[in-house]
Structure formats: structure tokens, C-alpha cells
Amino acid sequence: MHIEFKATKRVEQGTGASRRLRRAGQLPGIIYGAEQDPVAVTLDHNELYHLLRKEAFHASVLTANVDGSKESVVLRDAQWHPYKQQVLHLDFQRVSATEKLHLKVPLHFINAENCPAVKLGGQMVSHVLNELDVACLPKDLPEFIEVDLKDLQVDQSIHISQLKLPAGVESAFHGEGDPVVVTALKTGGGSGDSAEGEGEA
């Protein structure tokens, strides 16, 4: 999916200037990276608000049209008002076609209702992770990674190492071990034990 948004270079900066922009339905932002100077920009709030509601906007290489000049960027940060449906500031990072980028990509789970753990074992599928840190060149960045649960057995889990990643994409998980992505759990039960524990207490 190709997503493009418009922006204009912003001269006035500071809290007061940002407040005036927001009152006028505009949104302050910044574009940085790729060994170029950061550029403060003004965005249309409504346009970006609706784009932010799209999953692909958070995990795609985007095209920023800044005063007619287009450059490739990824969304790095979105600041929201504590209780209003209002975006306060957006950060975009430029990307280079020849340099790997690190980004969180959403996981899409399929065949959960048909897996043995659910169909035969009556268990429920619990999503431990809903997104994965990946590293890849911009041209290889997937909008999402599919996790097929058709072979998930009773009391089993699927780990990061078991995911089938698209060509050119690798996991960028930096922690220890091999984290669980999804697991099959027993449903219900356990209430009797807790009741006994309360009685003893």
C-alpha cells in the first residue's frame, strides 16, 4: 500500500506557535535522519488523524510531500492529547533505500478457530505478542507478518524463531531467549482451587 501525505516547512517554532497551529486545525511535526538537517513541518490534522487509524501507516515506508518535494519516511512517534481525540505532534524518520531500517510490524493471526488446540482440546488462543521488531531494507518491509495457527496443538506455543518471515526480513528482537508469540491455554477451571484457598485463609 502506497501512502502519501502533504506537509509544508514550518518557520515558527515553540509552544505558542504550535498552539496556534493546532487551533487552526494544523499539526506540528518533524522529519529527521539520513544525515540531513531536521526539518520542522506543518501537517493537516484531519488528514493525519485518519491516516493514523490505518494499521499500515505505522508499519510502512511513507511518502512525505514537503512543499512538492517527496521523500521516503517512516513514522517514529505520535504524541496524543491525554483525553481528546487530537494528535499533538508527529516524528518521521527519513529512510535510505540502501540501509536497513528497524520497525515494529503487526502480526496477523489466521486459522485460530481451526487449530487442534481449539477444535480438539477446547482451549483458547492467547496472543502474547501483537507486533514484532524487524530489520530489513525499505523495499522488503511487510505491512504485516502472518502467523498461521493451523498446527497449534494442545498446551503448545509458537515462538519468534518459528515464524515464517518474508524474504529479506529478519527479527530484530534483542532480549534473551526465544519469546512466545502465541500460546494455547485451558479455558475456565481453577475456581475451586481459589475458593479452597480463601476458606483456609
N, C-alpha and C. Protein backbone atom coordinates (compact mmCIF):
# COMPACT_ATOMS: atom_id res chain seq x y z
N MET A 1 0.85 -1.20 0.00
CA MET A 1 0.00 0.00 0.00
C MET A 1 0.88 1.25 0.00
N HIS A 2 0.64 2.13 -0.96
CA HIS A 2 1.42 3.37 -1.02
C HIS A 2 0.64 4.48 -0.30
N ILE A 3 1.27 5.07 0.72
CA ILE A 3 0.61 6.13 1.48
C ILE A 3 1.44 7.41 1.37
N GLU A 4 0.80 8.48 0.93
CA GLU A 4 1.48 9.76 0.80
C GLU A 4 0.70 10.82 1.58
N PHE A 5 1.41 11.73 2.20
CA PHE A 5 0.76 12.83 2.91
C PHE A 5 1.48 14.13 2.59
N LYS A 6 0.77 15.23 2.73
CA LYS A 6 1.34 16.54 2.42
C LYS A 6 1.84 17.24 3.67
N ALA A 7 2.89 18.01 3.48
CA ALA A 7 3.46 18.79 4.59
C ALA A 7 4.06 20.07 4.02
N THR A 8 4.16 21.08 4.87
CA THR A 8 4.83 22.32 4.47
C THR A 8 5.89 22.64 5.52
N LYS A 9 6.98 23.25 5.08
CA LYS A 9 8.03 23.61 6.03
C LYS A 9 7.53 24.67 6.99
N ARG A 10 7.94 24.53 8.24
CA ARG A 10 7.45 25.41 9.29
C ARG A 10 8.60 26.28 9.79
N VAL A 11 8.37 27.60 9.80
CA VAL A 11 9.38 28.54 10.26
C VAL A 11 9.21 28.80 11.75
N GLU A 12 7.99 29.15 12.15
CA GLU A 12 7.72 29.46 13.56
C GLU A 12 7.76 28.18 14.38
N GLN A 13 8.49 28.21 15.49
CA GLN A 13 8.55 27.06 16.37
C GLN A 13 8.32 27.51 17.80
N GLY A 14 8.21 26.54 18.69
CA GLY A 14 7.93 26.86 20.09
C GLY A 14 6.52 26.51 20.48
N THR A 15 6.25 26.54 21.77
CA THR A 15 4.95 26.13 22.31
C THR A 15 3.82 27.01 21.78
N GLY A 16 4.03 28.33 21.79
CA GLY A 16 2.99 29.25 21.34
C GLY A 16 2.64 29.03 19.88
N ALA A 17 3.65 28.87 19.04
CA ALA A 17 3.42 28.65 17.62
C ALA A 17 2.68 27.34 17.39
N SER A 18 3.05 26.30 18.14
CA SER A 18 2.39 25.00 17.99
C SER A 18 0.93 25.09 18.41
N ARG A 19 0.66 25.87 19.47
CA ARG A 19 -0.71 26.02 19.94
C ARG A 19 -1.56 26.73 18.88
N ARG A 20 -0.99 27.75 18.25
CA ARG A 20 -1.73 28.46 17.20
C ARG A 20 -2.02 27.54 16.01
N LEU A 21 -1.06 26.71 15.67
CA LEU A 21 -1.26 25.76 14.58
C LEU A 21 -2.43 24.82 14.88
N ARG A 22 -2.44 24.28 16.10
CA ARG A 22 -3.48 23.32 16.46
C ARG A 22 -4.85 23.97 16.46
N ARG A 23 -4.91 25.23 16.89
CA ARG A 23 -6.21 25.93 16.89
C ARG A 23 -6.71 26.11 15.46
N ALA A 24 -5.77 26.18 14.50
CA ALA A 24 -6.13 26.38 13.09
C ALA A 24 -6.33 25.05 12.36
N GLY A 25 -6.36 23.94 13.12
CA GLY A 25 -6.58 22.63 12.50
C GLY A 25 -5.32 22.04 11.88
N GLN A 26 -4.17 22.60 12.25
CA GLN A 26 -2.90 22.10 11.73
C GLN A 26 -2.18 21.30 12.81
N LEU A 27 -1.13 20.63 12.40
CA LEU A 27 -0.42 19.72 13.30
C LEU A 27 1.09 19.89 13.10
N PRO A 28 1.84 20.19 14.16
CA PRO A 28 3.29 20.31 14.02
C PRO A 28 3.95 18.93 13.96
N GLY A 29 5.04 18.86 13.21
CA GLY A 29 5.78 17.61 13.12
C GLY A 29 7.22 17.88 12.77
N ILE A 30 8.01 16.82 12.69
CA ILE A 30 9.42 16.97 12.33
C ILE A 30 9.85 15.77 11.48
N ILE A 31 10.73 16.04 10.53
CA ILE A 31 11.32 14.99 9.71
C ILE A 31 12.83 15.06 9.92
N TYR A 32 13.44 13.93 10.27
CA TYR A 32 14.87 13.94 10.59
C TYR A 32 15.53 12.68 10.03
N GLY A 33 16.86 12.62 10.14
CA GLY A 33 17.60 11.42 9.77
C GLY A 33 18.26 11.50 8.41
N ALA A 34 18.90 10.38 8.03
CA ALA A 34 19.61 10.23 6.75
C ALA A 34 20.70 11.28 6.60
N GLU A 35 21.33 11.65 7.72
CA GLU A 35 22.45 12.60 7.72
C GLU A 35 22.08 13.94 7.10
N GLN A 36 20.81 14.32 7.23
CA GLN A 36 20.35 15.64 6.78
C GLN A 36 19.83 16.40 7.99
N ASP A 37 19.74 17.71 7.84
CA ASP A 37 19.22 18.53 8.93
C ASP A 37 17.75 18.21 9.18
N PRO A 38 17.33 18.23 10.45
CA PRO A 38 15.90 18.05 10.74
C PRO A 38 15.09 19.20 10.12
N VAL A 39 13.90 18.88 9.67
CA VAL A 39 13.02 19.88 9.09
C VAL A 39 11.70 19.90 9.87
N ALA A 40 11.37 21.06 10.45
CA ALA A 40 10.09 21.22 11.12
C ALA A 40 9.01 21.41 10.06
N VAL A 41 7.89 20.69 10.20
CA VAL A 41 6.84 20.75 9.18
C VAL A 41 5.48 20.99 9.83
N THR A 42 4.57 21.45 9.00
CA THR A 42 3.17 21.61 9.38
C THR A 42 2.35 20.62 8.56
N LEU A 43 1.44 19.92 9.24
CA LEU A 43 0.61 18.90 8.60
C LEU A 43 -0.86 19.23 8.82
N ASP A 44 -1.71 18.67 7.99
CA ASP A 44 -3.14 18.84 8.18
C ASP A 44 -3.62 17.81 9.21
N HIS A 45 -4.20 18.30 10.31
CA HIS A 45 -4.56 17.41 11.41
C HIS A 45 -5.53 16.32 10.98
N ASN A 46 -6.60 16.70 10.27
CA ASN A 46 -7.61 15.71 9.90
C ASN A 46 -7.04 14.63 8.99
N GLU A 47 -6.21 15.03 8.03
CA GLU A 47 -5.61 14.05 7.12
C GLU A 47 -4.77 13.04 7.89
N LEU A 48 -3.93 13.54 8.80
CA LEU A 48 -3.04 12.64 9.54
C LEU A 48 -3.80 11.84 10.59
N TYR A 49 -4.84 12.44 11.17
CA TYR A 49 -5.64 11.72 12.16
C TYR A 49 -6.24 10.45 11.54
N HIS A 50 -6.78 10.60 10.33
CA HIS A 50 -7.39 9.44 9.66
C HIS A 50 -6.33 8.45 9.20
N LEU A 51 -5.17 8.93 8.78
CA LEU A 51 -4.09 8.03 8.39
C LEU A 51 -3.58 7.23 9.59
N LEU A 52 -3.52 7.85 10.75
CA LEU A 52 -3.04 7.17 11.95
C LEU A 52 -3.96 6.02 12.37
N ARG A 53 -5.19 6.04 11.91
CA ARG A 53 -6.14 4.97 12.24
C ARG A 53 -5.92 3.73 11.36
N LYS A 54 -5.07 3.89 10.34
CA LYS A 54 -4.77 2.76 9.46
C LYS A 54 -3.53 2.02 9.98
N GLU A 55 -3.66 0.73 10.12
CA GLU A 55 -2.55 -0.07 10.62
C GLU A 55 -1.31 0.10 9.75
N ALA A 56 -1.50 0.16 8.44
CA ALA A 56 -0.37 0.23 7.51
C ALA A 56 0.45 1.50 7.68
N PHE A 57 -0.17 2.57 8.17
CA PHE A 57 0.54 3.84 8.33
C PHE A 57 1.68 3.71 9.35
N HIS A 58 1.54 2.78 10.29
CA HIS A 58 2.52 2.62 11.36
C HIS A 58 3.64 1.66 10.97
N ALA A 59 3.46 0.89 9.89
CA ALA A 59 4.45 -0.12 9.53
C ALA A 59 4.72 -0.12 8.03
N SER A 60 4.80 1.06 7.45
CA SER A 60 5.07 1.18 6.02
C SER A 60 6.07 2.31 5.78
N VAL A 61 6.74 2.22 4.65
CA VAL A 61 7.53 3.36 4.19
C VAL A 61 6.57 4.33 3.54
N LEU A 62 6.52 5.55 4.06
CA LEU A 62 5.56 6.56 3.63
C LEU A 62 6.24 7.58 2.72
N THR A 63 5.44 8.28 1.96
CA THR A 63 5.96 9.36 1.13
C THR A 63 5.50 10.69 1.71
N ALA A 64 6.47 11.51 2.15
CA ALA A 64 6.15 12.85 2.65
C ALA A 64 6.36 13.83 1.50
N ASN A 65 5.29 14.52 1.14
CA ASN A 65 5.35 15.52 0.07
C ASN A 65 5.50 16.88 0.75
N VAL A 66 6.76 17.32 0.89
CA VAL A 66 7.03 18.57 1.60
C VAL A 66 7.22 19.68 0.58
N ASP A 67 6.20 20.52 0.47
CA ASP A 67 6.24 21.63 -0.49
C ASP A 67 6.59 21.16 -1.90
N GLY A 68 6.05 20.01 -2.29
CA GLY A 68 6.27 19.50 -3.63
C GLY A 68 7.46 18.58 -3.78
N SER A 69 8.32 18.51 -2.75
CA SER A 69 9.49 17.63 -2.78
C SER A 69 9.18 16.37 -1.99
N LYS A 70 9.31 15.20 -2.62
CA LYS A 70 8.92 13.95 -1.98
C LYS A 70 10.13 13.22 -1.39
N GLU A 71 9.93 12.69 -0.19
CA GLU A 71 10.97 11.86 0.41
C GLU A 71 10.34 10.71 1.18
N SER A 72 11.10 9.62 1.31
CA SER A 72 10.61 8.42 1.98
C SER A 72 10.89 8.51 3.48
N VAL A 73 9.87 8.23 4.26
CA VAL A 73 9.98 8.32 5.72
C VAL A 73 9.21 7.18 6.38
N VAL A 74 9.48 6.97 7.66
CA VAL A 74 8.66 6.09 8.48
C VAL A 74 8.22 6.86 9.72
N LEU A 75 7.06 6.52 10.24
CA LEU A 75 6.57 7.16 11.46
C LEU A 75 7.35 6.62 12.65
N ARG A 76 7.89 7.52 13.46
CA ARG A 76 8.64 7.10 14.63
C ARG A 76 7.92 7.38 15.94
N ASP A 77 7.11 8.44 15.98
CA ASP A 77 6.44 8.76 17.25
C ASP A 77 5.20 9.60 16.97
N ALA A 78 4.15 9.34 17.71
CA ALA A 78 2.92 10.13 17.63
C ALA A 78 2.52 10.51 19.05
N GLN A 79 2.43 11.81 19.31
CA GLN A 79 2.00 12.29 20.63
C GLN A 79 0.53 12.69 20.56
N TRP A 80 -0.25 12.15 21.49
CA TRP A 80 -1.69 12.40 21.52
C TRP A 80 -2.06 13.22 22.76
N HIS A 81 -3.15 13.96 22.65
CA HIS A 81 -3.71 14.66 23.81
C HIS A 81 -4.16 13.62 24.83
N PRO A 82 -3.99 13.90 26.13
CA PRO A 82 -4.33 12.90 27.16
C PRO A 82 -5.78 12.39 27.09
N TYR A 83 -6.73 13.26 26.71
CA TYR A 83 -8.11 12.78 26.69
C TYR A 83 -8.91 13.21 25.46
N LYS A 84 -8.40 14.11 24.67
CA LYS A 84 -9.09 14.48 23.43
C LYS A 84 -8.61 13.61 22.28
N GLN A 85 -9.46 13.48 21.26
CA GLN A 85 -9.06 12.78 20.03
C GLN A 85 -8.26 13.76 19.17
N GLN A 86 -7.10 14.12 19.67
CA GLN A 86 -6.28 15.13 19.00
C GLN A 86 -4.81 14.70 19.00
N VAL A 87 -4.20 14.76 17.83
CA VAL A 87 -2.78 14.48 17.70
C VAL A 87 -2.03 15.77 17.99
N LEU A 88 -0.98 15.69 18.80
CA LEU A 88 -0.24 16.89 19.19
C LEU A 88 1.05 17.09 18.39
N HIS A 89 1.71 15.98 18.02
CA HIS A 89 2.99 16.11 17.32
C HIS A 89 3.34 14.77 16.69
N LEU A 90 3.98 14.81 15.51
CA LEU A 90 4.41 13.59 14.84
C LEU A 90 5.90 13.68 14.49
N ASP A 91 6.61 12.57 14.67
CA ASP A 91 8.02 12.47 14.30
C ASP A 91 8.16 11.46 13.17
N PHE A 92 8.84 11.88 12.10
CA PHE A 92 9.11 10.98 10.98
C PHE A 92 10.62 10.88 10.77
N GLN A 93 11.08 9.69 10.42
CA GLN A 93 12.50 9.49 10.13
C GLN A 93 12.67 9.16 8.65
N ARG A 94 13.62 9.85 8.01
CA ARG A 94 13.92 9.56 6.62
C ARG A 94 14.53 8.16 6.51
N VAL A 95 14.28 7.49 5.39
CA VAL A 95 14.86 6.17 5.17
C VAL A 95 15.67 6.18 3.88
N SER A 96 16.70 5.36 3.88
CA SER A 96 17.56 5.21 2.70
C SER A 96 17.28 3.86 2.08
N ALA A 97 17.19 3.81 0.76
CA ALA A 97 16.90 2.55 0.05
C ALA A 97 17.98 1.51 0.29
N THR A 98 19.19 1.95 0.68
CA THR A 98 20.31 1.01 0.82
C THR A 98 20.65 0.67 2.27
N GLU A 99 19.90 1.24 3.22
CA GLU A 99 20.18 0.98 4.64
C GLU A 99 19.00 0.27 5.29
N LYS A 100 19.33 -0.76 6.09
CA LYS A 100 18.27 -1.48 6.79
C LYS A 100 17.60 -0.56 7.82
N LEU A 101 16.30 -0.74 7.96
CA LEU A 101 15.58 0.02 8.99
C LEU A 101 14.99 -0.95 9.99
N HIS A 102 14.79 -0.46 11.20
CA HIS A 102 14.17 -1.24 12.27
C HIS A 102 12.78 -0.67 12.54
N LEU A 103 11.79 -1.55 12.53
CA LEU A 103 10.42 -1.08 12.71
C LEU A 103 9.57 -2.20 13.31
N LYS A 104 8.54 -1.82 14.04
CA LYS A 104 7.59 -2.80 14.57
C LYS A 104 6.54 -3.09 13.50
N VAL A 105 6.33 -4.37 13.21
CA VAL A 105 5.37 -4.78 12.20
C VAL A 105 4.26 -5.59 12.89
N PRO A 106 2.98 -5.30 12.59
CA PRO A 106 1.89 -6.04 13.24
C PRO A 106 1.86 -7.50 12.83
N LEU A 107 1.39 -8.34 13.74
CA LEU A 107 1.20 -9.76 13.47
C LEU A 107 -0.27 -10.02 13.18
N HIS A 108 -0.55 -10.76 12.11
CA HIS A 108 -1.92 -11.16 11.78
C HIS A 108 -2.05 -12.67 12.00
N PHE A 109 -2.97 -13.05 12.88
CA PHE A 109 -3.14 -14.47 13.24
C PHE A 109 -4.26 -15.08 12.41
N ILE A 110 -3.98 -16.23 11.78
CA ILE A 110 -5.02 -16.89 10.97
C ILE A 110 -5.20 -18.33 11.43
N ASN A 111 -6.36 -18.88 11.15
CA ASN A 111 -6.73 -20.28 11.42
C ASN A 111 -6.78 -20.62 12.90
N ALA A 112 -7.02 -19.61 13.75
CA ALA A 112 -7.08 -19.90 15.19
C ALA A 112 -8.24 -20.84 15.52
N GLU A 113 -9.39 -20.62 14.84
CA GLU A 113 -10.58 -21.42 15.18
C GLU A 113 -10.47 -22.87 14.67
N ASN A 114 -9.50 -23.12 13.77
CA ASN A 114 -9.37 -24.46 13.20
C ASN A 114 -8.19 -25.26 13.75
N CYS A 115 -7.41 -24.66 14.65
CA CYS A 115 -6.23 -25.37 15.13
C CYS A 115 -6.65 -26.48 16.12
N PRO A 116 -5.84 -27.55 16.23
CA PRO A 116 -6.17 -28.67 17.13
C PRO A 116 -6.40 -28.24 18.58
N ALA A 117 -5.65 -27.25 19.04
CA ALA A 117 -5.80 -26.82 20.44
C ALA A 117 -7.21 -26.33 20.72
N VAL A 118 -7.82 -25.65 19.74
CA VAL A 118 -9.17 -25.12 19.92
C VAL A 118 -10.22 -26.16 19.54
N LYS A 119 -10.04 -26.78 18.36
CA LYS A 119 -11.06 -27.67 17.82
C LYS A 119 -11.14 -28.98 18.61
N LEU A 120 -10.01 -29.53 18.98
CA LEU A 120 -10.00 -30.82 19.66
C LEU A 120 -9.81 -30.68 21.17
N GLY A 121 -9.04 -29.67 21.58
CA GLY A 121 -8.73 -29.52 23.00
C GLY A 121 -9.62 -28.55 23.74
N GLY A 122 -10.45 -27.78 23.00
CA GLY A 122 -11.33 -26.81 23.66
C GLY A 122 -10.59 -25.68 24.35
N GLN A 123 -9.35 -25.43 23.91
CA GLN A 123 -8.56 -24.38 24.54
C GLN A 123 -8.77 -23.04 23.84
N MET A 124 -8.24 -22.00 24.44
CA MET A 124 -8.31 -20.68 23.83
C MET A 124 -6.90 -20.26 23.41
N VAL A 125 -6.85 -19.45 22.35
CA VAL A 125 -5.57 -18.97 21.85
C VAL A 125 -5.28 -17.60 22.45
N SER A 126 -4.13 -17.48 23.10
CA SER A 126 -3.75 -16.22 23.73
C SER A 126 -2.59 -15.58 22.95
N HIS A 127 -2.80 -14.35 22.50
CA HIS A 127 -1.76 -13.62 21.77
C HIS A 127 -0.85 -12.93 22.78
N VAL A 128 0.38 -13.38 22.88
CA VAL A 128 1.34 -12.79 23.80
C VAL A 128 1.98 -11.55 23.16
N LEU A 129 2.28 -11.64 21.87
CA LEU A 129 2.80 -10.51 21.11
C LEU A 129 1.84 -10.17 19.98
N ASN A 130 1.67 -8.89 19.71
CA ASN A 130 0.83 -8.46 18.60
C ASN A 130 1.63 -7.75 17.51
N GLU A 131 2.92 -7.56 17.76
CA GLU A 131 3.80 -6.95 16.77
C GLU A 131 5.21 -7.47 16.99
N LEU A 132 6.04 -7.34 15.95
CA LEU A 132 7.39 -7.86 16.01
C LEU A 132 8.37 -6.83 15.50
N ASP A 133 9.49 -6.66 16.22
CA ASP A 133 10.57 -5.80 15.76
C ASP A 133 11.31 -6.50 14.63
N VAL A 134 11.40 -5.85 13.48
CA VAL A 134 12.10 -6.46 12.35
C VAL A 134 13.16 -5.51 11.82
N ALA A 135 14.09 -6.08 11.06
CA ALA A 135 15.11 -5.30 10.37
C ALA A 135 15.11 -5.73 8.91
N CYS A 136 15.09 -4.77 8.00
CA CYS A 136 15.08 -5.09 6.58
C CYS A 136 15.31 -3.81 5.77
N LEU A 137 15.59 -3.98 4.50
CA LEU A 137 15.66 -2.83 3.61
C LEU A 137 14.24 -2.31 3.38
N PRO A 138 14.09 -1.02 3.11
CA PRO A 138 12.76 -0.46 2.91
C PRO A 138 11.90 -1.21 1.88
N LYS A 139 12.54 -1.70 0.79
CA LYS A 139 11.77 -2.38 -0.26
C LYS A 139 11.20 -3.71 0.22
N ASP A 140 11.77 -4.28 1.30
CA ASP A 140 11.32 -5.59 1.80
C ASP A 140 10.36 -5.48 2.98
N LEU A 141 10.08 -4.26 3.42
CA LEU A 141 9.25 -4.08 4.63
C LEU A 141 7.83 -4.59 4.39
N PRO A 142 7.38 -5.58 5.17
CA PRO A 142 6.00 -6.08 5.02
C PRO A 142 5.02 -5.22 5.82
N GLU A 143 3.78 -5.11 5.34
CA GLU A 143 2.76 -4.38 6.10
C GLU A 143 2.39 -5.14 7.36
N PHE A 144 2.48 -6.47 7.29
CA PHE A 144 2.20 -7.32 8.46
C PHE A 144 2.88 -8.66 8.25
N ILE A 145 2.97 -9.43 9.32
CA ILE A 145 3.53 -10.79 9.25
C ILE A 145 2.43 -11.76 9.67
N GLU A 146 2.20 -12.75 8.83
CA GLU A 146 1.13 -13.71 9.09
C GLU A 146 1.62 -14.83 9.99
N VAL A 147 0.82 -15.14 11.01
CA VAL A 147 1.12 -16.25 11.92
C VAL A 147 0.02 -17.30 11.74
N ASP A 148 0.37 -18.41 11.11
CA ASP A 148 -0.61 -19.46 10.83
C ASP A 148 -0.68 -20.42 12.01
N LEU A 149 -1.88 -20.52 12.60
CA LEU A 149 -2.05 -21.33 13.81
C LEU A 149 -2.64 -22.71 13.52
N LYS A 150 -2.71 -23.11 12.26
CA LYS A 150 -3.40 -24.35 11.90
C LYS A 150 -2.81 -25.59 12.57
N ASP A 151 -1.52 -25.56 12.94
CA ASP A 151 -0.88 -26.73 13.56
C ASP A 151 -0.66 -26.56 15.06
N LEU A 152 -1.23 -25.53 15.66
CA LEU A 152 -1.04 -25.30 17.09
C LEU A 152 -1.76 -26.39 17.89
N GLN A 153 -0.98 -27.17 18.66
CA GLN A 153 -1.53 -28.29 19.43
C GLN A 153 -1.87 -27.86 20.86
N VAL A 154 -2.58 -28.74 21.55
CA VAL A 154 -2.98 -28.51 22.94
C VAL A 154 -1.74 -28.21 23.80
N ASP A 155 -1.84 -27.14 24.59
CA ASP A 155 -0.79 -26.73 25.53
C ASP A 155 0.52 -26.35 24.85
N GLN A 156 0.49 -26.06 23.56
CA GLN A 156 1.70 -25.66 22.85
C GLN A 156 1.75 -24.16 22.63
N SER A 157 2.93 -23.69 22.26
CA SER A 157 3.15 -22.28 21.96
C SER A 157 3.91 -22.15 20.66
N ILE A 158 3.83 -20.98 20.05
CA ILE A 158 4.65 -20.64 18.90
C ILE A 158 5.61 -19.54 19.32
N HIS A 159 6.89 -19.72 19.04
CA HIS A 159 7.93 -18.77 19.42
C HIS A 159 8.38 -17.95 18.22
N ILE A 160 9.09 -16.85 18.50
CA ILE A 160 9.58 -15.98 17.43
C ILE A 160 10.37 -16.76 16.39
N SER A 161 11.22 -17.71 16.86
CA SER A 161 12.07 -18.46 15.93
C SER A 161 11.28 -19.33 14.97
N GLN A 162 10.01 -19.60 15.29
CA GLN A 162 9.18 -20.45 14.45
C GLN A 162 8.39 -19.67 13.40
N LEU A 163 8.44 -18.35 13.46
CA LEU A 163 7.68 -17.54 12.50
C LEU A 163 8.33 -17.62 11.12
N LYS A 164 7.49 -17.65 10.10
CA LYS A 164 7.99 -17.62 8.71
C LYS A 164 8.02 -16.16 8.27
N LEU A 165 9.22 -15.60 8.25
CA LEU A 165 9.36 -14.20 7.88
C LEU A 165 9.55 -14.07 6.37
N PRO A 166 9.04 -12.99 5.79
CA PRO A 166 9.22 -12.78 4.34
C PRO A 166 10.69 -12.68 3.97
N ALA A 167 10.99 -12.89 2.70
CA ALA A 167 12.36 -12.81 2.22
C ALA A 167 12.95 -11.44 2.51
N GLY A 168 14.17 -11.42 3.01
CA GLY A 168 14.86 -10.16 3.29
C GLY A 168 14.52 -9.55 4.64
N VAL A 169 13.65 -10.22 5.41
CA VAL A 169 13.22 -9.68 6.71
C VAL A 169 13.75 -10.58 7.83
N GLU A 170 14.32 -9.97 8.86
CA GLU A 170 14.80 -10.74 10.00
C GLU A 170 14.29 -10.13 11.29
N SER A 171 14.17 -10.96 12.31
CA SER A 171 13.73 -10.47 13.61
C SER A 171 14.82 -9.60 14.22
N ALA A 172 14.40 -8.50 14.83
CA ALA A 172 15.35 -7.60 15.47
C ALA A 172 15.18 -7.62 16.98
N PHE A 173 14.61 -8.73 17.49
CA PHE A 173 14.43 -8.86 18.94
C PHE A 173 15.80 -8.94 19.62
N HIS A 174 16.02 -8.11 20.64
CA HIS A 174 17.33 -8.01 21.27
C HIS A 174 17.39 -8.63 22.67
N GLY A 175 16.27 -9.13 23.16
CA GLY A 175 16.27 -9.70 24.51
C GLY A 175 16.85 -11.10 24.53
N GLU A 176 16.77 -11.73 25.69
CA GLU A 176 17.29 -13.08 25.85
C GLU A 176 16.21 -14.11 25.50
N GLY A 177 16.68 -15.32 25.11
CA GLY A 177 15.75 -16.42 24.86
C GLY A 177 14.99 -16.28 23.56
N ASP A 178 13.90 -17.01 23.48
CA ASP A 178 13.06 -17.09 22.27
C ASP A 178 11.62 -16.84 22.70
N PRO A 179 11.19 -15.57 22.75
CA PRO A 179 9.89 -15.24 23.32
C PRO A 179 8.70 -15.94 22.63
N VAL A 180 7.69 -16.20 23.44
CA VAL A 180 6.44 -16.79 22.94
C VAL A 180 5.64 -15.71 22.21
N VAL A 181 5.12 -16.07 21.06
CA VAL A 181 4.26 -15.17 20.28
C VAL A 181 2.80 -15.44 20.58
N VAL A 182 2.45 -16.72 20.61
CA VAL A 182 1.06 -17.11 20.85
C VAL A 182 1.07 -18.46 21.56
N THR A 183 0.09 -18.68 22.44
CA THR A 183 0.06 -19.93 23.20
C THR A 183 -1.38 -20.42 23.36
N ALA A 184 -1.53 -21.73 23.52
CA ALA A 184 -2.84 -22.33 23.75
C ALA A 184 -3.04 -22.53 25.24
N LEU A 185 -4.17 -22.05 25.75
CA LEU A 185 -4.44 -22.11 27.19
C LEU A 185 -5.76 -22.81 27.46
N LYS A 186 -5.84 -23.48 28.62
CA LYS A 186 -7.11 -24.08 29.05
C LYS A 186 -8.10 -22.98 29.36
N THR A 187 -9.35 -23.22 29.08
CA THR A 187 -10.40 -22.23 29.38
C THR A 187 -11.08 -22.59 30.69
N GLY A 188 -11.45 -21.55 31.47
CA GLY A 188 -12.18 -21.77 32.71
C GLY A 188 -11.35 -22.55 33.71
N GLY A 189 -12.03 -23.21 34.66
CA GLY A 189 -11.34 -24.02 35.67
C GLY A 189 -10.62 -23.16 36.68
N GLY A 190 -10.11 -23.80 37.69
CA GLY A 190 -9.29 -23.09 38.68
C GLY A 190 -10.10 -22.41 39.76
N SER A 191 -11.43 -22.30 39.61
CA SER A 191 -12.22 -21.56 40.60
C SER A 191 -12.31 -22.32 41.91
N GLY A 192 -12.36 -23.67 41.80
CA GLY A 192 -12.44 -24.47 43.03
C GLY A 192 -11.21 -24.31 43.88
N ASP A 193 -10.06 -24.31 43.23
CA ASP A 193 -8.81 -24.16 43.99
C ASP A 193 -8.77 -22.85 44.73
N SER A 194 -9.17 -21.77 44.04
CA SER A 194 -9.10 -20.46 44.68
C SER A 194 -10.09 -20.36 45.83
N ALA A 195 -11.24 -21.02 45.68
CA ALA A 195 -12.23 -20.98 46.76
C ALA A 195 -11.70 -21.69 48.00
N GLU A 196 -11.00 -22.86 47.78
CA GLU A 196 -10.44 -23.59 48.90
C GLU A 196 -9.38 -22.74 49.60
N GLY A 197 -8.56 -22.06 48.80
CA GLY A 197 -7.52 -21.22 49.38
C GLY A 197 -8.10 -20.14 50.25
N GLU A 198 -9.22 -19.54 49.78
CA GLU A 198 -9.84 -18.48 50.58
C GLU A 198 -10.39 -19.05 51.88
N GLY A 199 -10.95 -20.29 51.82
CA GLY A 199 -11.51 -20.91 53.03
C GLY A 199 -10.43 -21.15 54.08
N GLU A 200 -9.28 -21.65 53.61
CA GLU A 200 -8.19 -21.90 54.53
C GLU A 200 -7.68 -20.61 55.17
N ALA A 201 -7.67 -19.52 54.35
CA ALA A 201 -7.20 -18.25 54.89
C ALA A 201 -8.12 -17.78 55.96
